[in-house]
Amino acid sequence: MTGSSTHGGKTVLHPVSDLAAAKAVYAALLGVPPQTDSSYYVGFDAAGQQIGLVPAGGPQGLTSPVTYWHVPDIEAKLAELTAAGATVQQATHDVGGGRLVATVTDLDGNVLGLLQDS
């Protein structure tokens, strides 16, 4: 271990087939309106938990919800995970505003997301 840690799984992205309908359901569930509301992403902030709705799985090709673990050093965490046997699914890339994301799969094919804010 390199000492790199996580700040927790604070962001969960959900693929949805009908963005408008899903937005209404999640607004009712969370009791807050969306913080971000666009045709390609609807995001909610509920007590520090980020919930994102991605139509048709978005460019990530999500087929099920993915939890993004917030980390201080995404490259160090990727190195730890691959050394432990995980496989990089989507390499580190900037999704805007200096936010870096990447995904790996564990040995059973579960997708784990990593997120680093600048």
C-alpha atoms as a PDB file:
ATOM      1  CA  MET A   1       0.000   0.000   0.000  1.00  0.00           C
ATOM      2  CA  THR A   2       1.227   3.463  -0.854  1.00  0.00           C
ATOM      3  CA  GLY A   3      -0.767   5.257   1.828  1.00  0.00           C
ATOM      4  CA  SER A   4      -3.177   6.648  -0.760  1.00  0.00           C
ATOM      5  CA  SER A   5      -6.655   6.536   0.692  1.00  0.00           C
ATOM      6  CA  THR A   6     -10.185   7.316  -0.338  1.00  0.00           C
ATOM      7  CA  HIS A   7     -12.516   9.987   0.933  1.00  0.00           C
ATOM      8  CA  GLY A   8     -15.417   7.576   0.523  1.00  0.00           C
ATOM      9  CA  GLY A   9     -17.894   6.593  -2.158  1.00  0.00           C
ATOM     10  CA  LYS A  10     -19.585   9.968  -2.488  1.00  0.00           C
ATOM     11  CA  THR A  11     -20.761   9.876  -6.107  1.00  0.00           C
ATOM     12  CA  VAL A  12     -23.068   7.266  -7.639  1.00  0.00           C
ATOM     13  CA  LEU A  13     -24.038   7.386 -11.314  1.00  0.00           C
ATOM     14  CA  HIS A  14     -27.211   5.635 -12.448  1.00  0.00           C
ATOM     15  CA  PRO A  15     -27.948   4.819 -16.093  1.00  0.00           C
ATOM     16  CA  VAL A  16     -31.560   5.718 -16.952  1.00  0.00           C
ATOM     17  CA  SER A  17     -33.737   5.148 -19.998  1.00  0.00           C
ATOM     18  CA  ASP A  18     -36.056   8.145 -19.461  1.00  0.00           C
ATOM     19  CA  LEU A  19     -34.214  11.116 -17.983  1.00  0.00           C
ATOM     20  CA  ALA A  20     -37.310  13.225 -17.270  1.00  0.00           C
ATOM     21  CA  ALA A  21     -39.117  10.388 -15.496  1.00  0.00           C
ATOM     22  CA  ALA A  22     -36.014   9.399 -13.528  1.00  0.00           C
ATOM     23  CA  LYS A  23     -35.421  13.027 -12.519  1.00  0.00           C
ATOM     24  CA  ALA A  24     -38.912  13.176 -10.979  1.00  0.00           C
ATOM     25  CA  VAL A  25     -38.392   9.911  -9.075  1.00  0.00           C
ATOM     26  CA  TYR A  26     -34.990  10.899  -7.694  1.00  0.00           C
ATOM     27  CA  ALA A  27     -36.191  14.396  -6.758  1.00  0.00           C
ATOM     28  CA  ALA A  28     -39.024  12.790  -4.803  1.00  0.00           C
ATOM     29  CA  LEU A  29     -36.651  10.292  -3.177  1.00  0.00           C
ATOM     30  CA  LEU A  30     -33.990  12.834  -2.226  1.00  0.00           C
ATOM     31  CA  GLY A  31     -36.315  15.739  -1.435  1.00  0.00           C
ATOM     32  CA  VAL A  32     -34.170  18.225  -3.366  1.00  0.00           C
ATOM     33  CA  PRO A  33     -34.214  19.583  -6.925  1.00  0.00           C
ATOM     34  CA  PRO A  34     -31.335  18.753  -9.272  1.00  0.00           C
ATOM     35  CA  GLN A  35     -28.157  20.760  -8.788  1.00  0.00           C
ATOM     36  CA  THR A  36     -27.216  20.106 -12.436  1.00  0.00           C
ATOM     37  CA  ASP A  37     -29.908  19.633 -15.067  1.00  0.00           C
ATOM     38  CA  SER A  38     -28.916  19.036 -18.679  1.00  0.00           C
ATOM     39  CA  SER A  39     -29.868  16.697 -21.498  1.00  0.00           C
ATOM     40  CA  TYR A  40     -26.821  14.478 -20.868  1.00  0.00           C
ATOM     41  CA  TYR A  41     -26.616  14.530 -17.048  1.00  0.00           C
ATOM     42  CA  VAL A  42     -28.847  15.335 -14.094  1.00  0.00           C
ATOM     43  CA  GLY A  43     -27.067  15.600 -10.767  1.00  0.00           C
ATOM     44  CA  PHE A  44     -28.361  15.878  -7.228  1.00  0.00           C
ATOM     45  CA  ASP A  45     -26.529  16.840  -4.039  1.00  0.00           C
ATOM     46  CA  ALA A  46     -28.287  15.274  -1.083  1.00  0.00           C
ATOM     47  CA  ALA A  47     -26.484  15.777   2.221  1.00  0.00           C
ATOM     48  CA  GLY A  48     -23.080  15.585   0.540  1.00  0.00           C
ATOM     49  CA  GLN A  49     -23.977  12.524  -1.540  1.00  0.00           C
ATOM     50  CA  GLN A  50     -23.759  13.137  -5.295  1.00  0.00           C
ATOM     51  CA  ILE A  51     -26.357  11.207  -7.303  1.00  0.00           C
ATOM     52  CA  GLY A  52     -26.068  11.415 -11.072  1.00  0.00           C
ATOM     53  CA  LEU A  53     -28.520  10.268 -13.742  1.00  0.00           C
ATOM     54  CA  VAL A  54     -26.960   9.389 -17.087  1.00  0.00           C
ATOM     55  CA  PRO A  55     -29.304   8.779 -20.056  1.00  0.00           C
ATOM     56  CA  ALA A  56     -28.683   5.470 -21.838  1.00  0.00           C
ATOM     57  CA  GLY A  57     -25.561   4.918 -19.753  1.00  0.00           C
ATOM     58  CA  GLY A  58     -23.825   7.921 -21.328  1.00  0.00           C
ATOM     59  CA  PRO A  59     -20.416   7.768 -22.988  1.00  0.00           C
ATOM     60  CA  GLN A  60     -19.259   5.491 -20.162  1.00  0.00           C
ATOM     61  CA  GLY A  61     -21.674   2.801 -21.365  1.00  0.00           C
ATOM     62  CA  LEU A  62     -23.002   2.221 -17.847  1.00  0.00           C
ATOM     63  CA  THR A  63     -25.282  -0.780 -17.529  1.00  0.00           C
ATOM     64  CA  SER A  64     -25.727  -0.564 -13.752  1.00  0.00           C
ATOM     65  CA  PRO A  65     -25.055   2.027 -11.037  1.00  0.00           C
ATOM     66  CA  VAL A  66     -21.369   2.809 -10.437  1.00  0.00           C
ATOM     67  CA  THR A  67     -20.013   4.227  -7.201  1.00  0.00           C
ATOM     68  CA  TYR A  68     -17.168   6.694  -7.636  1.00  0.00           C
ATOM     69  CA  TRP A  69     -14.687   6.678  -4.765  1.00  0.00           C
ATOM     70  CA  HIS A  70     -13.182  10.108  -4.146  1.00  0.00           C
ATOM     71  CA  VAL A  71      -9.396   9.911  -3.927  1.00  0.00           C
ATOM     72  CA  PRO A  72      -6.632  12.489  -3.448  1.00  0.00           C
ATOM     73  CA  ASP A  73      -4.355  10.908  -6.110  1.00  0.00           C
ATOM     74  CA  ILE A  74      -6.156   8.995  -8.855  1.00  0.00           C
ATOM     75  CA  GLU A  75      -2.997   7.685 -10.536  1.00  0.00           C
ATOM     76  CA  ALA A  76      -1.615   6.319  -7.254  1.00  0.00           C
ATOM     77  CA  LYS A  77      -4.938   4.619  -6.509  1.00  0.00           C
ATOM     78  CA  LEU A  78      -5.080   3.141 -10.036  1.00  0.00           C
ATOM     79  CA  ALA A  79      -1.581   1.740  -9.526  1.00  0.00           C
ATOM     80  CA  GLU A  80      -2.621   0.178  -6.195  1.00  0.00           C
ATOM     81  CA  LEU A  81      -5.746  -1.343  -7.683  1.00  0.00           C
ATOM     82  CA  THR A  82      -4.051  -2.801 -10.751  1.00  0.00           C
ATOM     83  CA  ALA A  83      -1.248  -4.202  -8.586  1.00  0.00           C
ATOM     84  CA  ALA A  84      -3.948  -5.909  -6.537  1.00  0.00           C
ATOM     85  CA  GLY A  85      -5.504  -7.474  -9.657  1.00  0.00           C
ATOM     86  CA  ALA A  86      -8.054  -4.925 -10.914  1.00  0.00           C
ATOM     87  CA  THR A  87      -8.218  -4.116 -14.637  1.00  0.00           C
ATOM     88  CA  VAL A  88      -8.475  -0.575 -15.977  1.00  0.00           C
ATOM     89  CA  GLN A  89     -11.783  -0.231 -17.812  1.00  0.00           C
ATOM     90  CA  GLN A  90     -11.609   3.498 -18.563  1.00  0.00           C
ATOM     91  CA  ALA A  91      -8.309   5.367 -18.173  1.00  0.00           C
ATOM     92  CA  THR A  92      -8.077   8.628 -16.268  1.00  0.00           C
ATOM     93  CA  HIS A  93      -9.637  11.543 -18.113  1.00  0.00           C
ATOM     94  CA  ASP A  94     -10.863  15.035 -17.314  1.00  0.00           C
ATOM     95  CA  VAL A  95     -14.656  15.432 -17.344  1.00  0.00           C
ATOM     96  CA  GLY A  96     -14.542  19.191 -16.861  1.00  0.00           C
ATOM     97  CA  GLY A  97     -13.392  21.670 -14.289  1.00  0.00           C
ATOM     98  CA  GLY A  98     -10.276  19.646 -13.511  1.00  0.00           C
ATOM     99  CA  ARG A  99     -12.321  16.674 -12.250  1.00  0.00           C
ATOM    100  CA  LEU A 100     -10.554  13.432 -13.143  1.00  0.00           C
ATOM    101  CA  VAL A 101     -12.345  10.089 -13.342  1.00  0.00           C
ATOM    102  CA  ALA A 102     -11.384   6.519 -14.174  1.00  0.00           C
ATOM    103  CA  THR A 103     -12.957   3.096 -13.781  1.00  0.00           C
ATOM    104  CA  VAL A 104     -11.577  -0.347 -13.069  1.00  0.00           C
ATOM    105  CA  THR A 105     -13.142  -3.772 -12.816  1.00  0.00           C
ATOM    106  CA  ASP A 106     -12.471  -6.063  -9.910  1.00  0.00           C
ATOM    107  CA  LEU A 107     -11.819  -9.778 -10.323  1.00  0.00           C
ATOM    108  CA  ASP A 108     -15.569 -10.472 -10.548  1.00  0.00           C
ATOM    109  CA  GLY A 109     -16.246  -7.813 -13.178  1.00  0.00           C
ATOM    110  CA  ASN A 110     -17.727  -5.241 -10.802  1.00  0.00           C
ATOM    111  CA  VAL A 111     -17.050  -1.672 -11.913  1.00  0.00           C
ATOM    112  CA  LEU A 112     -15.377   0.660  -9.417  1.00  0.00           C
ATOM    113  CA  GLY A 113     -15.135   4.355 -10.187  1.00  0.00           C
ATOM    114  CA  LEU A 114     -12.406   6.717  -9.026  1.00  0.00           C
ATOM    115  CA  LEU A 115     -12.816  10.489  -8.863  1.00  0.00           C
ATOM    116  CA  GLN A 116     -10.242  13.176  -8.093  1.00  0.00           C
ATOM    117  CA  ASP A 117     -11.191  16.829  -7.814  1.00  0.00           C
ATOM    118  CA  SER A 118      -8.485  19.410  -8.461  1.00  0.00           C
END
